[in-house]
Amino acid sequence: MMLLGLLVLVLGLARGWPPLPVVTAASLGVALGSAMAVEQWLAVLGEQFSKNRFVALTWLVLPLIGVLERYGLQHHARAMVQRLHRLGASRLLILYLLIRQLGAAVGLASLGGQAQMVRPVVLPMAQAALERHGRCPPHVLQQLAAHAAAVDNIGLFFGEDVFMAMGSILLAQAVLVQQGIPVEPWQLAVWSMPTAMAAAALHSGRLLALGRAWRRAMDKG
């Protein structure tokens, strides 16, 4: 009977039903199969939701972004870039890279993100900046979208290690202490700075080269 929950989960996801009701029904199936009272199941479910409610809150941003896009968020982002004539697509991505990296370095890891910033704001702005030179071929737009997403990942990855309260820094410090190497988190953060600066410089150079390649592809197309 305890496999009833697994059966409900597999069936629901295979049929494409909404994940939240499917998982809830699967947990109820497991509870019934293990002879757990419904009241006890509700208590466990409420306790776990309360402990992990931050996971559910992250999904609230998705309908918010959808509403903003519905009422012209991308249109206004593109219009703003059209007024900034000297800001090209590659320079805009470099600017966002630096903002993302500096934000992560001071603990603001949630400042950006794929759903919050890249899809509704950064990508439309970069596309508008690139389309000042003409119509973008489809493969250029695909590359632009990919590198807009990559900029967010690179900025976050190399910036967060400069923040000494980040979990990765604390984990590295704990491992080194266990190996008999006394080190403080701030020392690891300081030694992460050259790597972060090198990553920003190297990727900025790559973005400038990509910008020139995109313009050449647009001239040919």
Protein backbone atom coordinates (compact mmCIF):
# COMPACT_ATOMS: atom_id res chain seq x y z
CA MET A 1 0.00 0.00 0.00
CA MET A 2 2.91 2.36 0.62
CA LEU A 3 3.69 2.19 -3.09
CA LEU A 4 0.38 3.94 -3.75
CA GLY A 5 2.05 7.32 -3.33
CA LEU A 6 4.75 6.43 -5.87
CA LEU A 7 2.08 5.27 -8.31
CA VAL A 8 0.16 8.54 -7.92
CA LEU A 9 3.36 10.56 -8.42
CA VAL A 10 4.41 8.71 -11.59
CA LEU A 11 0.91 8.78 -13.05
CA GLY A 12 0.34 12.46 -12.30
CA LEU A 13 3.66 13.65 -13.71
CA ALA A 14 3.31 11.40 -16.77
CA ARG A 15 -0.12 12.88 -17.52
CA GLY A 16 1.24 16.41 -17.13
CA TRP A 17 -0.90 17.34 -14.15
CA PRO A 18 0.15 20.29 -11.92
CA PRO A 19 3.10 19.14 -9.75
CA LEU A 20 1.93 20.63 -6.44
CA PRO A 21 -1.42 18.75 -6.28
CA VAL A 22 0.28 15.58 -7.55
CA VAL A 23 2.97 15.66 -4.85
CA THR A 24 0.37 16.44 -2.18
CA ALA A 25 -1.82 13.53 -3.33
CA ALA A 26 1.23 11.24 -3.43
CA SER A 27 2.14 12.14 0.14
CA LEU A 28 -1.44 11.40 1.18
CA GLY A 29 -1.19 8.03 -0.54
CA VAL A 30 1.97 7.21 1.41
CA ALA A 31 0.30 8.28 4.65
CA LEU A 32 -2.76 6.12 4.04
CA GLY A 33 -0.59 3.19 3.01
CA SER A 34 1.36 3.40 6.26
CA ALA A 35 -1.84 3.63 8.35
CA MET A 36 -1.16 7.24 9.34
CA ALA A 37 -4.16 9.22 10.48
CA VAL A 38 -5.26 12.08 8.25
CA GLU A 39 -4.85 14.53 11.13
CA GLN A 40 -1.26 13.39 11.65
CA TRP A 41 -0.56 13.67 7.91
CA LEU A 42 -1.88 17.24 7.90
CA ALA A 43 0.30 18.09 10.92
CA VAL A 44 3.43 16.72 9.22
CA LEU A 45 2.57 18.45 5.94
CA GLY A 46 2.01 21.80 7.68
CA GLU A 47 5.22 21.47 9.71
CA GLN A 48 7.35 20.73 6.65
CA PHE A 49 5.74 23.52 4.66
CA SER A 50 6.43 25.95 7.52
CA LYS A 51 10.08 24.87 7.73
CA ASN A 52 10.61 25.08 3.97
CA ARG A 53 8.22 27.88 3.03
CA PHE A 54 11.05 29.86 1.42
CA VAL A 55 11.09 27.24 -1.35
CA ALA A 56 7.44 27.91 -2.14
CA LEU A 57 7.94 31.68 -1.99
CA THR A 58 10.45 31.56 -4.84
CA TRP A 59 7.64 30.50 -7.18
CA LEU A 60 5.67 33.64 -6.43
CA VAL A 61 8.04 35.63 -8.62
CA LEU A 62 6.94 33.74 -11.75
CA PRO A 63 3.36 35.07 -11.94
CA LEU A 64 4.71 38.49 -10.99
CA ILE A 65 7.11 38.47 -13.97
CA GLY A 66 4.26 37.28 -16.19
CA VAL A 67 2.05 40.19 -15.15
CA LEU A 68 4.88 42.68 -15.66
CA GLU A 69 5.57 41.34 -19.15
CA ARG A 70 1.87 41.42 -19.96
CA TYR A 71 1.79 45.14 -19.19
CA GLY A 72 4.84 46.12 -21.20
CA LEU A 73 7.95 45.48 -19.10
CA GLN A 74 9.95 44.36 -22.14
CA HIS A 75 8.61 47.25 -24.22
CA HIS A 76 9.79 49.83 -21.69
CA ALA A 77 13.17 48.11 -21.30
CA ARG A 78 13.71 48.19 -25.06
CA ALA A 79 12.57 51.83 -25.27
CA MET A 80 15.06 52.82 -22.57
CA VAL A 81 17.93 51.24 -24.49
CA GLN A 82 16.87 53.00 -27.68
CA ARG A 83 17.53 56.29 -25.90
CA LEU A 84 21.04 55.20 -24.88
CA HIS A 85 22.67 55.34 -28.29
CA ARG A 86 26.22 54.51 -27.18
CA LEU A 87 25.26 51.44 -25.14
CA GLY A 88 25.78 48.38 -27.36
CA ALA A 89 24.64 44.85 -26.61
CA SER A 90 28.06 43.63 -25.50
CA ARG A 91 28.62 46.68 -23.26
CA LEU A 92 25.20 46.22 -21.71
CA LEU A 93 25.97 42.58 -20.90
CA ILE A 94 29.33 43.61 -19.43
CA LEU A 95 27.57 46.19 -17.27
CA TYR A 96 25.12 43.59 -15.99
CA LEU A 97 28.01 41.16 -15.39
CA LEU A 98 29.75 43.71 -13.16
CA ILE A 99 26.53 44.59 -11.31
CA ARG A 100 25.75 40.91 -10.76
CA GLN A 101 29.24 40.12 -9.57
CA LEU A 102 29.50 43.11 -7.23
CA GLY A 103 26.05 42.39 -5.85
CA ALA A 104 26.96 38.77 -5.08
CA ALA A 105 30.24 39.93 -3.55
CA VAL A 106 28.38 41.94 -0.90
CA GLY A 107 25.81 39.23 -0.21
CA LEU A 108 23.06 40.32 -2.62
CA ALA A 109 22.91 37.01 -4.46
CA SER A 110 19.18 37.47 -5.10
CA LEU A 111 19.72 40.81 -6.86
CA GLY A 112 19.46 39.20 -10.30
CA GLY A 113 18.42 35.86 -11.71
CA GLN A 114 17.22 34.19 -14.90
CA ALA A 115 13.50 34.66 -14.24
CA GLN A 116 13.73 37.96 -12.37
CA MET A 117 16.16 39.93 -14.54
CA VAL A 118 17.57 38.15 -17.59
CA ARG A 119 14.36 37.08 -19.33
CA PRO A 120 12.20 40.18 -18.74
CA VAL A 121 14.82 42.97 -18.62
CA VAL A 122 18.40 42.19 -19.67
CA LEU A 123 17.66 40.19 -22.82
CA PRO A 124 15.12 42.66 -24.31
CA MET A 125 17.50 45.53 -23.60
CA ALA A 126 20.44 43.72 -25.23
CA GLN A 127 18.29 42.79 -28.24
CA ALA A 128 17.14 46.38 -28.66
CA ALA A 129 20.74 47.60 -28.49
CA LEU A 130 21.81 45.07 -31.13
CA GLU A 131 18.89 45.79 -33.44
CA ARG A 132 19.98 49.40 -33.82
CA HIS A 133 22.40 47.99 -36.41
CA GLY A 134 19.70 46.14 -38.32
CA ARG A 135 17.50 43.08 -38.09
CA CYS A 136 19.01 40.21 -36.06
CA PRO A 137 19.21 36.78 -37.72
CA PRO A 138 17.66 33.96 -35.65
CA HIS A 139 21.01 32.38 -34.78
CA VAL A 140 22.31 35.71 -33.46
CA LEU A 141 19.25 36.09 -31.25
CA GLN A 142 19.78 32.59 -29.90
CA GLN A 143 23.41 33.35 -29.09
CA LEU A 144 22.42 36.63 -27.47
CA ALA A 145 19.88 34.87 -25.25
CA ALA A 146 22.39 32.20 -24.28
CA HIS A 147 25.10 34.71 -23.37
CA ALA A 148 22.66 36.92 -21.46
CA ALA A 149 21.87 33.90 -19.29
CA ALA A 150 25.57 32.98 -19.04
CA VAL A 151 26.47 36.47 -17.81
CA ASP A 152 24.12 36.04 -14.85
CA ASN A 153 25.61 32.64 -13.97
CA ILE A 154 29.22 33.80 -14.30
CA GLY A 155 28.68 36.95 -12.27
CA LEU A 156 26.97 35.04 -9.48
CA PHE A 157 29.43 32.13 -9.48
CA PHE A 158 32.59 34.20 -9.18
CA GLY A 159 31.07 36.99 -7.10
CA GLU A 160 29.54 34.98 -4.28
CA ASP A 161 32.90 33.52 -3.20
CA VAL A 162 34.07 37.04 -2.31
CA PHE A 163 31.31 37.24 0.32
CA MET A 164 32.80 35.62 3.42
CA ALA A 165 29.43 34.55 4.85
CA MET A 166 28.61 32.47 1.77
CA GLY A 167 28.15 28.74 2.33
CA SER A 168 30.93 27.77 -0.07
CA ILE A 169 33.45 29.92 1.82
CA LEU A 170 32.38 28.51 5.18
CA LEU A 171 32.58 24.96 3.82
CA ALA A 172 36.09 25.53 2.45
CA GLN A 173 37.16 27.07 5.77
CA ALA A 174 35.78 24.11 7.73
CA VAL A 175 37.59 21.59 5.50
CA LEU A 176 40.90 23.44 5.81
CA VAL A 177 40.58 23.67 9.60
CA GLN A 178 39.90 19.93 9.79
CA GLN A 179 43.11 19.37 7.83
CA GLY A 180 45.08 21.43 10.35
CA ILE A 181 45.27 24.60 8.25
CA PRO A 182 43.98 27.51 10.37
CA VAL A 183 42.29 30.06 8.14
CA GLU A 184 39.54 32.62 8.57
CA PRO A 185 36.62 33.09 6.16
CA TRP A 186 37.72 36.64 5.34
CA GLN A 187 41.10 35.33 4.20
CA LEU A 188 39.44 32.95 1.74
CA ALA A 189 37.23 35.78 0.51
CA VAL A 190 40.26 38.01 -0.07
CA TRP A 191 42.04 35.30 -2.04
CA SER A 192 38.92 34.82 -4.17
CA MET A 193 39.09 38.43 -5.38
CA PRO A 194 41.85 37.92 -8.01
CA THR A 195 39.87 35.04 -9.53
CA ALA A 196 36.70 37.12 -9.61
CA MET A 197 38.47 40.07 -11.25
CA ALA A 198 40.16 37.79 -13.81
CA ALA A 199 36.82 36.19 -14.65
CA ALA A 200 35.21 39.60 -15.14
CA ALA A 201 38.06 40.82 -17.35
CA LEU A 202 38.24 37.66 -19.48
CA HIS A 203 34.49 37.41 -20.00
CA SER A 204 34.23 41.12 -20.77
CA GLY A 205 36.81 40.67 -23.52
CA ARG A 206 34.88 37.71 -24.85
CA LEU A 207 31.64 39.71 -24.90
CA LEU A 208 33.30 42.52 -26.84
CA ALA A 209 34.54 39.99 -29.41
CA LEU A 210 31.07 38.47 -29.61
CA GLY A 211 29.57 41.91 -30.15
CA ARG A 212 31.79 42.46 -33.17
CA ALA A 213 30.96 39.00 -34.53
CA TRP A 214 27.22 39.66 -34.12
CA ARG A 215 27.46 42.93 -36.03
CA ARG A 216 29.37 41.23 -38.86
CA ALA A 217 26.72 38.50 -39.04
CA MET A 218 24.01 41.18 -39.23
CA ASP A 219 25.84 42.99 -42.02
CA LYS A 220 26.02 39.77 -44.03
CA GLY A 221 22.41 38.85 -43.31
